[in-house]
Protein backbone atom coordinates (compact mmCIF):
# COMPACT_ATOMS: atom_id res chain seq x y z
CA MET A 1 72.32 -60.69 -10.24
CA THR A 2 75.54 -58.60 -9.85
CA GLN A 3 75.73 -54.75 -11.13
CA LYS A 4 78.10 -56.15 -13.95
CA HIS A 5 75.71 -58.74 -15.00
CA LEU A 6 72.68 -56.21 -14.97
CA SER A 7 74.95 -53.75 -17.10
CA PHE A 8 75.75 -56.41 -19.56
CA ARG A 9 72.21 -57.56 -19.83
CA ASN A 10 70.87 -54.02 -20.57
CA THR A 11 73.57 -53.26 -23.05
CA TYR A 12 72.69 -56.64 -24.91
CA LEU A 13 68.87 -55.92 -24.92
CA SER A 14 69.66 -52.16 -26.29
CA GLN A 15 71.91 -53.57 -28.89
CA PHE A 16 69.23 -56.23 -29.88
CA PHE A 17 66.30 -53.96 -29.99
CA LYS A 18 68.25 -51.50 -32.29
CA SER A 19 69.68 -54.31 -34.61
CA PRO A 20 68.34 -54.83 -38.20
CA PHE A 21 67.28 -58.55 -37.30
CA PHE A 22 64.79 -57.12 -34.55
CA LEU A 23 63.39 -54.63 -37.11
CA ALA A 24 63.08 -57.42 -39.73
CA SER A 25 61.23 -59.66 -37.28
CA TYR A 26 58.96 -56.89 -36.30
CA VAL A 27 57.92 -56.35 -39.76
CA GLY A 28 57.57 -60.11 -40.40
CA ILE A 29 55.36 -60.57 -37.42
CA ALA A 30 53.26 -57.55 -38.63
CA LEU A 31 52.82 -58.95 -42.12
CA LEU A 32 51.96 -62.51 -40.83
CA CYS A 33 49.07 -61.00 -38.44
CA ALA A 34 47.83 -59.25 -41.70
CA PHE A 35 47.83 -62.41 -43.60
CA LEU A 36 46.03 -64.35 -40.90
CA VAL A 37 43.38 -61.48 -40.46
CA TYR A 38 43.05 -61.77 -44.15
CA TRP A 39 42.57 -65.55 -44.23
CA ALA A 40 40.05 -65.53 -41.32
CA ALA A 41 38.04 -62.91 -42.83
CA ASP A 42 36.89 -65.53 -45.45
CA ILE A 43 36.15 -68.36 -42.70
CA VAL A 44 34.98 -66.35 -39.68
CA GLU A 45 32.04 -63.94 -39.84
CA PRO A 46 32.87 -60.26 -39.55
CA GLN A 47 30.86 -59.79 -36.32
CA HIS A 48 32.85 -62.72 -34.73
CA LEU A 49 36.11 -61.37 -35.98
CA GLY A 50 35.13 -58.05 -34.25
CA TYR A 51 34.50 -59.77 -31.02
CA GLY A 52 37.97 -61.51 -31.46
CA PHE A 53 39.81 -58.26 -32.02
CA ALA A 54 37.91 -56.79 -28.88
CA ALA A 55 39.06 -59.71 -26.89
CA ALA A 56 42.45 -59.56 -27.80
CA THR A 57 42.69 -55.74 -27.44
CA GLY A 58 41.19 -56.22 -23.83
CA LEU A 59 43.81 -59.04 -23.07
CA ILE A 60 46.71 -56.87 -24.32
CA VAL A 61 45.54 -54.00 -22.40
CA PHE A 62 45.15 -56.12 -19.27
CA ILE A 63 48.80 -57.64 -19.89
CA ILE A 64 50.20 -54.10 -20.19
CA PHE A 65 48.53 -52.86 -16.72
CA THR A 66 49.31 -56.15 -15.07
CA THR A 67 53.00 -55.85 -16.24
CA GLY A 68 53.35 -52.20 -15.01
CA PHE A 69 51.55 -52.94 -11.50
CA LEU A 70 54.11 -55.95 -11.07
CA ASN A 71 57.03 -53.66 -12.17
CA ARG A 72 55.81 -50.78 -9.75
CA LEU A 73 55.62 -53.48 -7.04
CA LYS A 74 58.92 -54.72 -7.71
CA THR A 75 60.05 -51.03 -7.70
CA ASN A 76 58.34 -50.28 -4.52
CA ASP A 77 59.93 -53.14 -2.78
CA ALA A 78 63.50 -52.43 -3.99
CA LEU A 79 62.98 -48.86 -2.51
CA ASP A 80 61.35 -50.28 0.82
CA ARG A 81 64.58 -52.40 1.10
CA LYS A 82 66.80 -49.30 0.55
CA ILE A 83 64.90 -47.21 3.20
CA SER A 84 65.18 -50.24 5.46
CA SER A 85 68.82 -50.40 4.90
CA LEU A 86 69.18 -46.77 5.49
CA GLY A 87 67.02 -46.98 8.74
CA LYS A 88 69.47 -49.68 9.95
CA LEU A 89 72.48 -47.75 9.13
CA ALA A 90 71.12 -44.55 10.92
CA SER A 91 70.04 -46.82 13.83
CA SER A 92 73.55 -48.47 14.20
CA HIS A 93 75.28 -45.12 14.43
CA ALA A 94 72.50 -43.42 16.57
CA ALA A 95 72.01 -41.02 13.76
CA ASN A 96 73.56 -38.10 15.82
CA TRP A 97 75.53 -37.09 12.63
CA MET A 98 72.29 -36.08 11.22
CA VAL A 99 70.69 -32.68 12.27
CA ASP A 100 68.18 -30.25 11.30
CA GLN A 101 67.72 -26.28 11.44
CA GLN A 102 66.61 -26.15 15.15
CA TYR A 103 69.91 -28.26 16.15
CA ILE A 104 71.93 -25.85 13.87
CA ALA A 105 70.32 -22.87 15.52
CA THR A 106 71.17 -24.24 19.25
CA ILE A 107 74.90 -24.89 18.00
CA GLY A 108 74.80 -21.25 16.73
CA LEU A 109 73.92 -19.67 19.93
CA GLN A 110 77.01 -21.30 21.73
CA SER A 111 79.48 -20.01 18.91
CA GLU A 112 81.12 -16.49 19.40
CA GLU A 113 82.55 -16.72 15.71
CA THR A 114 81.22 -18.65 12.79
CA TRP A 115 82.71 -19.22 9.44
CA THR A 116 80.53 -20.20 6.48
CA PHE A 117 81.83 -21.52 3.19
CA ALA A 118 79.12 -21.44 0.55
CA THR A 119 78.14 -20.49 -3.11
CA GLU A 120 74.84 -18.90 -1.99
CA LEU A 121 73.24 -18.18 1.12
CA THR A 122 69.41 -19.41 1.75
CA TYR A 123 67.94 -19.74 5.11
CA VAL A 124 69.82 -16.67 6.82
CA ILE A 125 68.03 -14.33 4.16
CA GLN A 126 64.71 -15.98 4.43
CA PRO A 127 62.98 -14.22 7.33
CA GLU A 128 60.45 -17.12 8.01
CA SER A 129 63.30 -19.78 8.52
CA VAL A 130 64.48 -20.89 11.98
CA LEU A 131 67.95 -20.09 11.01
CA PHE A 132 67.35 -16.56 10.11
CA LYS A 133 65.61 -15.88 13.47
CA ALA A 134 68.55 -17.48 15.25
CA HIS A 135 71.23 -15.59 13.25
CA GLN A 136 69.46 -12.16 14.39
CA ARG A 137 69.70 -13.41 17.90
CA ASN A 138 73.41 -14.20 17.58
CA LEU A 139 73.94 -10.74 15.88
CA ASN A 140 72.29 -9.15 18.59
CA LYS A 141 74.22 -10.68 21.28
CA GLY A 142 77.53 -9.92 19.55
CA ALA A 143 78.54 -13.12 17.66
CA SER A 144 80.77 -12.59 14.78
CA TYR A 145 80.53 -14.13 11.20
CA LYS A 146 82.77 -14.58 8.12
CA TYR A 147 81.53 -15.66 4.88
CA PHE A 148 83.60 -17.22 2.12
CA MET A 149 81.84 -16.96 -1.33
CA PRO A 150 82.74 -17.00 -4.65
CA ASP A 151 83.32 -13.33 -6.40
CA ARG A 152 80.48 -13.24 -8.81
CA PRO A 153 77.21 -10.89 -9.59
CA LYS A 154 74.93 -13.29 -8.00
CA VAL A 155 76.75 -13.38 -4.65
CA HIS A 156 76.94 -9.53 -4.64
CA LYS A 157 73.19 -9.54 -4.70
CA ILE A 158 72.81 -11.85 -1.97
CA VAL A 159 75.26 -10.01 0.10
CA ALA A 160 73.12 -6.89 -0.65
CA ASP A 161 70.07 -8.87 0.54
CA TYR A 162 71.94 -9.85 3.69
CA LYS A 163 72.82 -6.35 4.73
CA ARG A 164 69.43 -5.12 4.06
CA LEU A 165 67.78 -7.93 6.19
CA HIS A 166 70.26 -7.88 9.17
CA LYS A 167 71.72 -5.09 11.41
CA PHE A 168 75.04 -5.63 12.80
CA GLN A 169 78.25 -3.55 14.18
CA PRO A 170 81.17 -2.67 11.72
CA GLY A 171 83.45 -5.58 11.52
CA GLN A 172 81.06 -7.98 13.12
CA VAL A 173 80.19 -9.58 9.64
CA GLU A 174 82.89 -9.84 6.93
CA PHE A 175 82.35 -11.37 3.18
CA ILE A 176 85.64 -12.87 1.90
CA LEU A 177 85.10 -13.23 -1.68
CA ILE A 178 87.25 -15.80 -3.48
CA PRO A 179 88.07 -15.54 -7.28
CA HIS A 180 84.96 -17.72 -8.72
CA SER A 181 87.45 -20.04 -10.75
CA GLU A 182 89.40 -20.80 -7.44
CA PHE A 183 86.27 -21.43 -5.23
CA LEU A 184 85.90 -25.37 -4.87
CA PHE A 185 83.16 -25.66 -2.14
CA TYR A 186 80.38 -27.01 -3.87
CA THR A 187 77.90 -27.06 -0.85
CA VAL A 188 77.39 -25.01 2.33
CA ILE A 189 79.87 -25.73 5.29
CA SER A 190 79.64 -23.75 8.57
CA VAL A 191 82.39 -24.07 11.33
CA TYR A 192 81.22 -22.94 14.80
CA ASN A 193 83.56 -22.07 17.75
CA VAL A 194 86.29 -21.03 15.51
CA ARG A 195 89.65 -20.53 17.27
CA THR A 196 88.80 -22.87 19.97
CA ASP A 197 90.08 -26.39 20.92
CA LEU A 198 86.59 -27.81 19.81
CA PRO A 199 85.42 -26.29 16.47
CA ARG A 200 82.26 -27.81 15.07
CA VAL A 201 81.44 -28.39 11.40
CA ILE A 202 77.81 -28.61 10.00
CA GLU A 203 77.62 -29.37 6.32
CA TRP A 204 74.36 -29.25 4.05
CA LEU A 205 73.56 -32.40 2.18
CA PRO A 206 73.85 -31.10 -1.37
CA ASN A 207 70.19 -32.20 -2.17
CA ARG A 208 67.50 -29.72 -2.83
CA ASN A 209 64.62 -32.32 -2.47
CA ILE A 210 65.60 -32.62 1.39
CA ASP A 211 66.26 -30.52 4.06
CA THR A 212 68.95 -32.32 5.98
CA TRP A 213 72.64 -31.38 7.34
CA ILE A 214 75.23 -33.83 8.84
CA GLU A 215 77.71 -32.86 11.36
CA THR A 216 81.26 -33.96 10.82
CA ASP A 217 83.65 -35.40 13.35
CA GLU A 218 86.54 -33.39 15.26
CA GLU A 219 89.30 -34.44 12.84
CA HIS A 220 87.25 -32.91 9.82
CA ALA A 221 86.22 -30.07 11.69
CA MET A 222 89.88 -29.12 12.20
CA ILE A 223 90.62 -29.48 8.64
CA ILE A 224 87.85 -27.08 7.48
CA ALA A 225 89.00 -24.56 10.21
CA GLY A 226 92.48 -24.79 8.76
CA ILE A 227 91.38 -24.04 5.22
CA GLY A 228 89.59 -20.96 6.48
CA GLU A 229 92.49 -19.67 8.13
CA THR A 230 94.56 -20.24 4.68
CA LEU A 231 91.94 -18.53 2.77
CA ILE A 232 92.04 -15.40 5.15
CA ARG A 233 95.70 -15.00 4.69
CA LYS A 234 95.51 -15.08 1.15
CA TYR A 235 92.40 -13.16 0.30
CA ALA A 236 91.23 -11.02 3.27
CA ASP A 237 93.53 -7.95 2.39
CA ARG A 238 92.13 -8.19 -1.19
CA TYR A 239 88.61 -8.90 -0.54
CA SER A 240 87.78 -6.84 2.86
CA SER A 241 84.41 -6.47 4.11
CA GLN A 242 84.58 -2.76 3.00
CA HIS A 243 85.38 -3.82 -0.60
CA THR A 244 82.13 -6.26 -0.51
CA ALA A 245 80.16 -3.49 1.14
CA ASP A 246 80.69 -0.97 -1.71
CA SER A 247 80.21 -3.80 -4.39
CA ALA A 248 76.78 -4.67 -2.70
CA THR A 249 75.52 -1.45 -2.37
CA LYS A 250 76.35 -0.71 -5.97
CA ILE A 251 74.65 -3.66 -7.23
CA GLN A 252 71.51 -3.07 -4.99
CA LYS A 253 71.31 0.45 -6.70
CA ASP A 254 71.66 -0.85 -10.07
CA THR A 255 68.79 -3.41 -9.51
């Protein structure tokens, strides 16, 4: 059954259950059942009638549980088919575009300059994470970073946490704050090997229930790097690292 047919069927059933005809039928069936019970009370002994009610109740409960179990099996089967399809997709493409924290840490070690576009920072301000420890190693060996983030109080607090947790040289790390209304990135995107002929881009899958990133191809990596260059030319003078440091310090003191 196609998606169009499923949508039509669901809409039709929803309208049917909300219709006055269904409600009238429901009331009519209830009244009929009450009449049958009243009629049977004059013929069947109360004890036997109780047995009948118990048997009917048990049958109804059995049907409900059986239906629920079958629906669950159907759902699990659909989920297994979807997982199998994803597995075939990943297998056919060698799944080398799906990466984890360890892979990102390795890429970071090879990058002298990294740009990150993000609405918030997570792993680099979580001391127990793999990316936090790799980030510290990169700072110690002199790697530089630019963070493009929306200009809002929450980000100021994040910047203050970053400065509290990491040690770096003046100019080594810059936070370029973009007006919140103009910041269009909805996930975390990092560009490694910036200003080289082979930039690499890692993008976090925007789903908090999984811990997975993807690596884009070279064409899209060049596009993201170009966006960074445009943002630097447009906002770097107005939102410098010094401006951010002053704002972050003020926020930290206020909190």
